[in-house]
Protein backbone atom coordinates (compact mmCIF):
# COMPACT_ATOMS: atom_id res chain seq x y z
CA UNK A 1 7.23 4.56 16.93
CA UNK A 2 4.13 6.67 16.37
CA UNK A 3 3.91 8.85 19.45
CA UNK A 4 0.09 9.07 19.37
CA UNK A 5 -1.18 7.14 22.37
CA UNK A 6 -3.89 4.51 21.90
CA UNK A 7 -3.99 3.49 25.57
CA UNK A 8 -2.66 5.17 28.68
CA UNK A 9 -3.12 5.30 32.42
CA UNK A 10 -2.15 7.86 35.03
CA UNK A 11 -1.59 7.19 38.73
CA UNK A 12 -3.57 3.96 38.49
CA UNK A 13 -4.23 2.24 41.82
CA UNK A 14 -6.09 -0.91 42.86
CA UNK A 15 -6.89 -1.92 46.41
CA UNK A 16 -8.57 -5.13 47.50
CA UNK A 17 -9.98 -5.96 50.91
CA UNK A 18 -8.89 -9.44 51.94
CA UNK A 19 -9.87 -10.83 55.29
CA UNK A 20 -10.52 -7.35 56.66
CA UNK A 21 -7.16 -6.04 55.48
CA UNK A 22 -6.60 -3.57 52.63
CA UNK A 23 -4.09 -4.86 50.10
CA UNK A 24 -2.63 -2.40 47.58
CA UNK A 25 -2.00 -4.33 44.36
CA UNK A 26 -1.27 -1.33 42.12
CA UNK A 27 0.37 1.78 43.57
CA UNK A 28 0.19 4.62 41.08
CA UNK A 29 1.05 3.13 37.69
CA UNK A 30 1.74 5.43 34.72
CA UNK A 31 1.86 3.88 31.26
CA UNK A 32 1.37 4.98 27.66
CA UNK A 33 1.07 2.68 24.64
CA UNK A 34 1.66 4.30 21.26
CA UNK A 35 -0.13 3.39 18.04
CA UNK A 36 1.55 0.31 16.56
CA UNK A 37 3.81 -0.13 19.60
CA UNK A 38 4.74 -3.51 21.08
CA UNK A 39 5.24 -3.55 24.84
CA UNK A 40 5.95 -6.46 27.19
CA UNK A 41 5.45 -6.31 30.95
CA UNK A 42 7.44 -8.78 33.04
CA UNK A 43 7.50 -9.43 36.75
CA UNK A 44 7.09 -12.06 39.44
CA UNK A 45 3.73 -13.59 40.25
CA UNK A 46 1.79 -11.22 42.47
CA UNK A 47 3.55 -8.09 41.18
CA UNK A 48 0.31 -6.70 39.72
CA UNK A 49 0.75 -7.46 36.00
CA UNK A 50 -2.56 -9.19 35.36
CA UNK A 51 -4.45 -6.72 37.55
CA UNK A 52 -3.02 -3.87 35.47
CA UNK A 53 -4.17 -5.57 32.27
CA UNK A 54 -7.68 -6.05 33.70
CA UNK A 55 -7.93 -2.38 34.64
CA UNK A 56 -6.60 -1.21 31.26
CA UNK A 57 -9.12 -3.46 29.53
CA UNK A 58 -12.06 -2.22 31.60
CA UNK A 59 -12.59 -5.66 33.13
CA UNK A 60 -12.24 -4.23 36.64
CA UNK A 61 -12.65 -0.78 38.13
CA UNK A 62 -9.62 1.04 39.45
CA UNK A 63 -9.51 2.32 43.01
CA UNK A 64 -7.90 5.54 41.75
CA UNK A 65 -6.31 7.13 38.72
CA UNK A 66 -7.48 7.19 35.12
CA UNK A 67 -7.44 4.94 32.05
CA UNK A 68 -7.82 6.55 28.61
CA UNK A 69 -8.55 4.26 25.66
CA UNK A 70 -8.67 5.68 22.14
CA UNK A 71 -9.18 9.16 23.57
CA UNK A 72 -12.02 8.15 25.91
CA UNK A 73 -11.72 8.12 29.70
CA UNK A 74 -12.83 4.64 30.74
CA UNK A 75 -13.72 5.96 34.21
CA UNK A 76 -16.30 8.39 32.85
CA UNK A 77 -18.51 6.19 30.66
CA UNK A 78 -21.40 3.96 31.70
CA UNK A 79 -21.36 0.18 31.38
CA UNK A 80 -23.08 0.17 27.99
CA UNK A 81 -20.66 2.67 26.44
CA UNK A 82 -17.70 0.88 28.03
CA UNK A 83 -18.80 -2.42 26.49
CA UNK A 84 -19.05 -0.78 23.04
CA UNK A 85 -15.66 0.89 23.47
CA UNK A 86 -14.02 -2.38 24.47
CA UNK A 87 -15.66 -4.23 21.59
CA UNK A 88 -14.47 -1.60 19.09
CA UNK A 89 -11.00 -0.68 20.35
CA UNK A 90 -9.65 -3.68 22.29
CA UNK A 91 -8.73 -7.26 21.55
CA UNK A 92 -7.94 -9.81 24.27
CA UNK A 93 -5.75 -12.92 24.22
CA UNK A 94 -5.48 -15.10 27.32
CA UNK A 95 -3.25 -17.96 28.41
CA UNK A 96 -6.26 -20.22 27.96
CA UNK A 97 -7.80 -19.60 24.55
CA UNK A 98 -11.37 -19.12 25.92
CA UNK A 99 -12.93 -20.45 22.72
CA UNK A 100 -16.46 -21.80 23.15
CA UNK A 101 -16.46 -25.56 22.62
CA UNK A 102 -19.96 -25.84 21.17
CA UNK A 103 -19.17 -23.48 18.27
CA UNK A 104 -16.89 -23.94 15.26
CA UNK A 105 -13.62 -22.06 15.00
CA UNK A 106 -15.23 -19.80 12.36
CA UNK A 107 -18.18 -19.03 14.63
CA UNK A 108 -15.88 -18.31 17.58
CA UNK A 109 -13.82 -15.83 15.61
CA UNK A 110 -16.88 -14.13 14.10
CA UNK A 111 -18.64 -13.75 17.45
CA UNK A 112 -17.28 -10.33 18.53
CA UNK A 113 -18.56 -8.82 15.27
CA UNK A 114 -21.98 -10.38 15.76
CA UNK A 115 -22.09 -9.11 19.35
CA UNK A 116 -21.23 -5.67 17.98
CA UNK A 117 -24.25 -5.75 15.67
CA UNK A 118 -22.57 -6.58 12.35
CA UNK A 119 -24.38 -8.74 9.80
CA UNK A 120 -23.75 -12.48 9.73
CA UNK A 121 -22.49 -12.18 6.14
CA UNK A 122 -19.92 -9.52 7.01
CA UNK A 123 -18.81 -11.38 10.15
CA UNK A 124 -18.30 -14.64 8.25
CA UNK A 125 -16.33 -12.96 5.45
CA UNK A 126 -14.09 -11.10 7.90
CA UNK A 127 -13.55 -14.19 10.10
CA UNK A 128 -12.73 -16.31 7.05
CA UNK A 129 -10.12 -13.78 5.88
CA UNK A 130 -8.45 -13.69 9.29
CA UNK A 131 -8.46 -17.46 9.76
CA UNK A 132 -6.83 -17.89 6.37
CA UNK A 133 -4.26 -15.25 7.36
CA UNK A 134 -3.34 -17.10 10.56
CA UNK A 135 -3.07 -20.42 8.73
CA UNK A 136 -6.35 -21.96 9.85
CA UNK A 137 -8.34 -21.87 6.61
CA UNK A 138 -8.56 -25.67 6.74
CA UNK A 139 -9.82 -25.69 10.34
CA UNK A 140 -12.74 -23.27 10.15
CA UNK A 141 -15.48 -25.86 10.52
CA UNK A 142 -13.73 -27.75 13.32
CA UNK A 143 -14.68 -27.36 16.97
CA UNK A 144 -11.94 -26.15 19.37
CA UNK A 145 -11.65 -29.65 20.86
CA UNK A 146 -10.71 -31.02 17.45
CA UNK A 147 -7.63 -28.85 16.87
CA UNK A 148 -4.24 -28.52 18.57
CA UNK A 149 -3.35 -26.11 21.36
CA UNK A 150 -1.30 -23.96 19.02
CA UNK A 151 -4.16 -23.83 16.52
CA UNK A 152 -6.58 -22.82 19.27
CA UNK A 153 -4.27 -19.98 20.29
CA UNK A 154 -3.93 -18.81 16.69
CA UNK A 155 -7.72 -18.79 16.49
CA UNK A 156 -7.75 -16.69 19.66
CA UNK A 157 -5.37 -14.22 18.00
CA UNK A 158 -7.70 -14.01 14.99
CA UNK A 159 -10.69 -13.43 17.27
CA UNK A 160 -8.80 -10.65 19.10
CA UNK A 161 -8.25 -8.87 15.77
CA UNK A 162 -11.69 -9.36 14.22
CA UNK A 163 -12.89 -5.84 15.09
CA UNK A 164 -9.66 -4.20 13.90
CA UNK A 165 -8.87 -2.95 17.41
CA UNK A 166 -6.26 -0.32 18.15
CA UNK A 167 -4.63 -2.43 20.82
CA UNK A 168 -4.52 -6.09 21.84
CA UNK A 169 -4.01 -7.00 25.50
CA UNK A 170 -2.40 -10.42 25.92
CA UNK A 171 -2.05 -12.16 29.29
CA UNK A 172 0.57 -14.96 29.10
CA UNK A 173 -0.52 -15.77 25.51
CA UNK A 174 2.05 -18.55 25.10
CA UNK A 175 2.00 -19.87 28.66
CA UNK A 176 0.37 -23.18 27.73
CA UNK A 177 2.40 -23.84 24.59
CA UNK A 178 5.61 -25.73 23.90
CA UNK A 179 8.56 -23.64 22.74
CA UNK A 180 8.17 -24.38 19.00
CA UNK A 181 4.45 -23.60 18.99
CA UNK A 182 5.01 -20.53 21.17
CA UNK A 183 7.53 -19.21 18.65
CA UNK A 184 4.97 -19.61 15.85
CA UNK A 185 2.46 -17.57 17.85
CA UNK A 186 5.15 -14.90 18.56
CA UNK A 187 5.91 -14.59 14.87
CA UNK A 188 2.23 -14.32 14.00
CA UNK A 189 1.71 -11.52 16.52
CA UNK A 190 4.74 -9.62 15.20
CA UNK A 191 3.63 -9.96 11.59
CA UNK A 192 0.11 -8.76 12.41
CA UNK A 193 1.52 -5.85 14.39
CA UNK A 194 3.45 -4.74 11.33
CA UNK A 195 0.71 -5.44 8.78
CA UNK A 196 -2.20 -3.91 10.69
CA UNK A 197 -0.36 -1.35 12.88
CA UNK A 198 -2.17 -2.77 15.91
CA UNK A 199 -0.49 -2.25 19.28
CA UNK A 200 0.27 -5.19 21.55
CA UNK A 201 0.60 -5.04 25.33
CA UNK A 202 1.77 -8.43 26.53
CA UNK A 203 2.10 -9.66 30.10
CA UNK A 204 4.52 -12.58 30.12
CA UNK A 205 7.07 -14.61 32.06
CA UNK A 206 8.62 -15.65 28.74
CA UNK A 207 11.94 -13.87 28.13
CA UNK A 208 11.99 -14.95 24.46
CA UNK A 209 8.59 -13.38 23.81
CA UNK A 210 9.51 -10.22 25.72
CA UNK A 211 12.71 -9.86 23.70
CA UNK A 212 10.65 -9.72 20.51
CA UNK A 213 8.63 -6.77 21.74
CA UNK A 214 9.74 -3.20 21.06
CA UNK A 215 9.87 -2.29 24.75
CA UNK A 216 10.14 -4.32 27.95
CA UNK A 217 8.84 -2.96 31.26
CA UNK A 218 9.17 -4.59 34.67
CA UNK A 219 6.66 -4.59 37.51
CA UNK A 220 7.56 -5.07 41.13
CA UNK A 221 5.26 -4.75 44.12
CA UNK A 222 2.56 -2.84 42.23
CA UNK A 223 4.72 -0.33 40.39
CA UNK A 224 6.53 -0.23 37.04
CA UNK A 225 10.21 -0.08 37.78
CA UNK A 226 11.40 0.41 34.20
């Protein structure tokens, strides 16, 4: 493993106020993801896995601690710079594909590049290359509602990689798929990790998926237990 860190956090905490009570969801999490590394985080529902992913991805603000992405402290940049950093350095895959139904698969995959200010021509070429790579060259002009669940998730993987991010954060990426389709998505993620040297941090309940990662961590009651 390349020891250079692409994403790390130190003493990360998150506290919510629920019904007048303070609830500590994360309690001082330390984590470092190396370039090209594959890491799975497992744990029971409510252990803090998804909250950790949201904080690492800049989707929520931490109550304490620090997140450093691609050498930049997420805590110390304004919203505009954070949005640019996320667009450039991060890819996201969710349990639900989050593709926009009114757009074609090609348009969905190209969208992060267009949001980042790239030309339509460049975005279409790049999206076409990735969709062919993930086996969806014949589905580019279809809408998400016209393709299978596994195909939608493969399109989501392509979209996550469109900006050539350093790290992809995946929250239960195979949670809605049958075992055969899930295995196809696993294999795709592993191949892309090796081909592109992109890091993957995957939150999952799936022991088969976790076993395919390079490292498995466990969360319990807001801390990483190993």
